[in-house]
Amino acid sequence: MKKVIFMSFMALFMAISLTSCRDENKTQKEELIEEMQEKDADIEVKDRANDTKIKMETEDKKVKIKEGDDGDTKIKVKEDNPDDM
């Protein structure tokens, strides 16, 4: 009986420790991609030898993400606000 209780305790301990170590922080790139997917944006992905380009566009927002092989990421966001006129 002690062995069953000990094994249950260890299984619970492992489950808690593994779930608490998860990295739930999202990068700006991931947040923008999810936001644009929720808005049903037109998404184009171009994989090239040296880099990856992602273009996403809705009626009022354009996002371009360029990621190089060296890990360098450039993000451009353009929002069209008709209220500014």
Protein backbone atom coordinates (compact mmCIF):
# COMPACT_ATOMS: atom_id res chain seq x y z
CA MET A 1 0.00 0.00 0.00
CA LYS A 2 2.88 2.36 0.76
CA LYS A 3 4.31 1.69 -2.68
CA VAL A 4 1.01 2.65 -4.38
CA ILE A 5 0.73 5.87 -2.38
CA PHE A 6 4.38 6.72 -3.04
CA MET A 7 4.02 6.09 -6.79
CA SER A 8 0.84 8.19 -6.94
CA PHE A 9 2.57 11.02 -5.09
CA MET A 10 5.58 10.88 -7.43
CA ALA A 11 3.34 10.85 -10.52
CA LEU A 12 1.47 13.90 -9.22
CA PHE A 13 4.76 15.65 -8.42
CA MET A 14 6.12 14.98 -11.92
CA ALA A 15 2.92 16.17 -13.59
CA ILE A 16 2.95 19.42 -11.62
CA SER A 17 6.64 20.07 -12.21
CA LEU A 18 6.40 19.45 -15.96
CA THR A 19 3.35 21.68 -16.46
CA SER A 20 4.84 24.51 -14.41
CA CYS A 21 8.02 24.53 -16.52
CA ARG A 22 6.21 25.16 -19.80
CA ASP A 23 7.11 28.38 -21.51
CA GLU A 24 3.85 30.12 -22.31
CA ASN A 25 5.35 33.44 -23.38
CA LYS A 26 4.64 34.14 -27.02
CA THR A 27 6.84 36.20 -29.25
CA GLN A 28 5.55 39.27 -31.03
CA LYS A 29 5.65 37.28 -34.27
CA GLU A 30 3.43 34.52 -32.86
CA GLU A 31 0.99 37.04 -31.39
CA LEU A 32 0.68 38.90 -34.72
CA ILE A 33 0.14 35.68 -36.66
CA GLU A 34 -2.62 34.54 -34.28
CA GLU A 35 -4.26 37.97 -34.34
CA MET A 36 -4.29 38.09 -38.12
CA GLN A 37 -5.62 34.51 -38.36
CA GLU A 38 -8.50 35.47 -36.06
CA LYS A 39 -9.31 38.38 -38.40
CA ASP A 40 -9.32 36.03 -41.44
CA ALA A 41 -6.40 37.76 -43.11
CA ASP A 42 -4.95 36.80 -46.48
CA ILE A 43 -1.67 35.09 -45.60
CA GLU A 44 1.24 34.45 -47.98
CA VAL A 45 4.33 32.51 -46.92
CA LYS A 46 7.46 32.47 -49.06
CA ASP A 47 10.28 30.12 -48.09
CA ARG A 48 13.54 30.96 -49.76
CA ALA A 49 17.05 29.64 -49.33
CA ASN A 50 18.16 32.49 -47.08
CA ASP A 51 14.97 33.69 -45.45
CA THR A 52 11.24 33.28 -44.86
CA LYS A 53 8.72 36.02 -45.63
CA ILE A 54 5.19 36.13 -44.28
CA LYS A 55 2.71 38.70 -45.61
CA MET A 56 -0.69 39.08 -43.94
CA GLU A 57 -3.34 41.55 -44.96
CA THR A 58 -6.81 42.56 -43.83
CA GLU A 59 -8.88 45.55 -44.93
CA ASP A 60 -7.33 47.85 -42.33
CA LYS A 61 -3.99 46.26 -41.42
CA LYS A 62 -0.92 44.93 -43.24
CA VAL A 63 1.82 42.92 -41.54
CA LYS A 64 5.11 41.78 -43.06
CA ILE A 65 7.47 39.46 -41.22
CA LYS A 66 10.90 38.61 -42.59
CA GLU A 67 12.98 35.99 -40.80
CA GLY A 68 16.55 35.24 -41.87
CA ASP A 69 18.52 32.05 -41.43
CA ASP A 70 20.61 33.75 -38.73
CA GLY A 71 17.49 34.19 -36.55
CA ASP A 72 17.12 37.90 -37.31
CA THR A 73 13.42 38.84 -37.50
CA LYS A 74 12.04 42.08 -38.95
CA ILE A 75 8.39 42.99 -38.45
CA LYS A 76 6.54 45.78 -40.24
CA VAL A 77 2.98 46.71 -39.30
CA LYS A 78 0.92 49.23 -41.27
CA GLU A 79 -2.56 50.19 -40.12
CA ASP A 80 -4.95 52.18 -42.29
CA ASN A 81 -7.08 54.48 -40.15
CA PRO A 82 -9.76 56.33 -42.15
CA ASP A 83 -10.44 58.50 -39.06
CA ASP A 84 -7.08 60.27 -39.49
CA MET A 85 -8.21 62.24 -42.58
